[in-house]
Amino acid sequence: MEKTGVTPEFYEQEEALGKLTKLLLKYSALHKNRQLSEEGFTADELLNRLYLTIFEAKGQGGKLSQYDQALQSGLLQNLVINVENPYNLSNGVGVVMQQVILKIKQHTRAATEGCSDALTASHYKTLYNFITLWEKGGNKALIELN
């Protein structure tokens, strides 16, 4: 395991990212749930809670764990992939995804400037550059990387 870099934490990260992906793909069910009941959970609420939990609440001490970095990268990658889905654009969820991506971009820019840990700062800069490339139309290249 030491030679390959695969550790128990790797499997935990993969499992968490898999669950996150499944959750992100269920926007339409959330949308329908809200239509059926006013108490239903909306896609807006889900995305904003994910952003607050995975980005705002993490790294307050200036350093992110590998697990937190993987969650942040996974959320961003899933958002970028899913925002390109025509169905998400037609039901309005794509707009919310774009807003969250913009929040992530602003957060990573600010976090990079105030970060004392070099690895965490590099992580934030990578996420910022990923978003910038996506905004400039490098969508196909980004999707092919995943």
Protein backbone atom coordinates (compact mmCIF):
# COMPACT_ATOMS: atom_id res chain seq x y z
CA MET A 1 0.00 0.00 0.00
CA GLU A 2 2.86 2.36 0.75
CA LYS A 3 4.39 1.85 -2.70
CA THR A 4 1.14 2.45 -4.59
CA GLY A 5 -0.11 5.35 -2.48
CA VAL A 6 -3.43 3.59 -1.91
CA THR A 7 -4.32 3.89 1.76
CA PRO A 8 -7.48 3.28 3.78
CA GLU A 9 -8.12 7.02 3.52
CA PHE A 10 -8.17 6.68 -0.28
CA TYR A 11 -11.11 4.29 -0.05
CA GLU A 12 -12.92 6.58 2.40
CA GLN A 13 -12.48 9.50 0.01
CA GLU A 14 -13.71 7.49 -2.96
CA GLU A 15 -16.77 6.33 -1.00
CA ALA A 16 -17.60 9.88 0.09
CA LEU A 17 -17.18 11.21 -3.45
CA GLY A 18 -19.38 8.43 -4.81
CA LYS A 19 -22.15 9.33 -2.38
CA LEU A 20 -21.73 13.00 -3.22
CA THR A 21 -22.08 12.26 -6.93
CA LYS A 22 -25.29 10.28 -6.38
CA LEU A 23 -26.67 13.13 -4.30
CA LEU A 24 -25.85 15.69 -6.96
CA LEU A 25 -27.58 13.63 -9.62
CA LYS A 26 -30.88 13.67 -7.71
CA TYR A 27 -31.71 17.34 -8.26
CA SER A 28 -34.84 16.54 -10.22
CA ALA A 29 -36.18 14.44 -7.34
CA LEU A 30 -35.55 17.36 -4.98
CA HIS A 31 -37.31 19.72 -7.35
CA LYS A 32 -40.36 17.44 -7.51
CA ASN A 33 -40.31 16.99 -3.73
CA ARG A 34 -40.57 20.74 -3.22
CA GLN A 35 -43.50 20.93 -5.62
CA LEU A 36 -45.33 18.28 -3.61
CA SER A 37 -44.68 19.83 -0.21
CA GLU A 38 -43.65 23.30 0.95
CA GLU A 39 -41.42 21.63 3.52
CA GLY A 40 -39.50 19.80 0.83
CA PHE A 41 -35.77 20.31 0.42
CA THR A 42 -34.89 22.32 -2.70
CA ALA A 43 -31.86 21.96 -4.93
CA ASP A 44 -30.89 25.53 -3.94
CA GLU A 45 -30.88 24.56 -0.28
CA LEU A 46 -28.90 21.39 -0.94
CA LEU A 47 -26.25 23.10 -3.05
CA ASN A 48 -25.82 26.00 -0.66
CA ARG A 49 -25.56 23.65 2.34
CA LEU A 50 -22.98 21.57 0.52
CA TYR A 51 -21.00 24.71 -0.28
CA LEU A 52 -21.15 25.98 3.31
CA THR A 53 -20.24 22.60 4.79
CA ILE A 54 -17.51 21.61 2.35
CA PHE A 55 -15.93 25.02 1.72
CA GLU A 56 -16.84 27.66 4.29
CA ALA A 57 -16.60 25.42 7.35
CA LYS A 58 -13.31 23.80 6.30
CA GLY A 59 -9.80 25.17 6.49
CA GLN A 60 -10.49 27.69 9.22
CA GLY A 61 -7.12 26.81 10.75
CA GLY A 62 -5.35 27.49 7.45
CA LYS A 63 -4.80 23.84 6.53
CA LEU A 64 -7.04 21.29 4.83
CA SER A 65 -6.73 17.54 5.23
CA GLN A 66 -6.40 15.36 2.14
CA TYR A 67 -9.96 14.22 2.78
CA ASP A 68 -11.29 17.80 2.78
CA GLN A 69 -9.33 18.60 -0.35
CA ALA A 70 -10.81 15.54 -2.08
CA LEU A 71 -14.34 16.53 -1.04
CA GLN A 72 -13.86 20.07 -2.33
CA SER A 73 -12.41 18.86 -5.62
CA GLY A 74 -15.15 16.27 -5.97
CA LEU A 75 -17.94 18.76 -5.38
CA LEU A 76 -16.49 21.22 -7.87
CA GLN A 77 -15.93 18.56 -10.54
CA ASN A 78 -19.46 17.24 -10.11
CA LEU A 79 -20.91 20.72 -10.35
CA VAL A 80 -18.99 21.51 -13.54
CA ILE A 81 -20.00 18.22 -15.16
CA ASN A 82 -23.64 18.51 -14.12
CA VAL A 83 -24.03 22.18 -15.03
CA GLU A 84 -23.32 21.15 -18.63
CA ASN A 85 -26.31 18.78 -18.60
CA PRO A 86 -29.10 20.35 -20.74
CA TYR A 87 -31.75 18.96 -18.38
CA ASN A 88 -30.24 20.86 -15.44
CA LEU A 89 -30.19 24.04 -17.50
CA SER A 90 -33.84 23.63 -18.48
CA ASN A 91 -35.14 23.08 -14.93
CA GLY A 92 -33.24 26.01 -13.39
CA VAL A 93 -30.88 23.91 -11.32
CA GLY A 94 -28.02 24.74 -13.68
CA VAL A 95 -28.31 28.40 -12.71
CA VAL A 96 -27.98 27.51 -9.03
CA MET A 97 -24.98 25.29 -9.83
CA GLN A 98 -23.33 28.19 -11.65
CA GLN A 99 -23.94 30.45 -8.65
CA VAL A 100 -22.31 27.91 -6.33
CA ILE A 101 -19.36 27.55 -8.71
CA LEU A 102 -18.95 31.35 -8.58
CA LYS A 103 -19.04 31.23 -4.76
CA ILE A 104 -16.37 28.53 -4.81
CA LYS A 105 -14.24 30.65 -7.12
CA GLN A 106 -14.51 33.66 -4.82
CA HIS A 107 -13.81 31.54 -1.75
CA THR A 108 -10.75 29.87 -3.27
CA ARG A 109 -9.30 33.19 -4.40
CA ALA A 110 -9.66 34.69 -0.94
CA ALA A 111 -8.47 31.51 0.79
CA THR A 112 -5.35 31.32 -1.39
CA GLU A 113 -4.27 34.82 -0.41
CA GLY A 114 -4.66 34.26 3.32
CA CYS A 115 -3.35 30.69 3.52
CA SER A 116 -0.17 29.94 5.46
CA ASP A 117 -0.01 26.25 4.44
CA ALA A 118 1.66 25.85 1.03
CA LEU A 119 -0.17 22.62 0.10
CA THR A 120 -3.57 24.03 0.99
CA ALA A 121 -2.81 27.25 -0.90
CA SER A 122 -1.81 25.19 -3.93
CA HIS A 123 -5.07 23.21 -3.66
CA TYR A 124 -7.13 26.41 -3.61
CA LYS A 125 -5.18 27.85 -6.56
CA THR A 126 -5.78 24.64 -8.54
CA LEU A 127 -9.54 24.86 -7.91
CA TYR A 128 -9.54 28.53 -8.89
CA ASN A 129 -7.67 27.76 -12.13
CA PHE A 130 -10.03 24.84 -12.85
CA ILE A 131 -13.02 27.20 -12.64
CA THR A 132 -11.29 29.84 -14.75
CA LEU A 133 -10.55 27.28 -17.48
CA TRP A 134 -14.16 26.10 -17.38
CA GLU A 135 -15.45 29.68 -17.66
CA LYS A 136 -13.26 30.26 -20.72
CA GLY A 137 -14.87 27.36 -22.52
CA GLY A 138 -12.48 24.56 -21.73
CA ASN A 139 -15.50 22.43 -20.81
CA LYS A 140 -14.76 19.49 -23.08
CA ALA A 141 -11.17 19.27 -21.90
CA LEU A 142 -12.25 19.31 -18.27
CA ILE A 143 -14.86 16.60 -18.73
CA GLU A 144 -12.39 14.39 -20.59
CA LEU A 145 -9.94 14.70 -17.68
CA ASN A 146 -12.46 13.16 -15.29
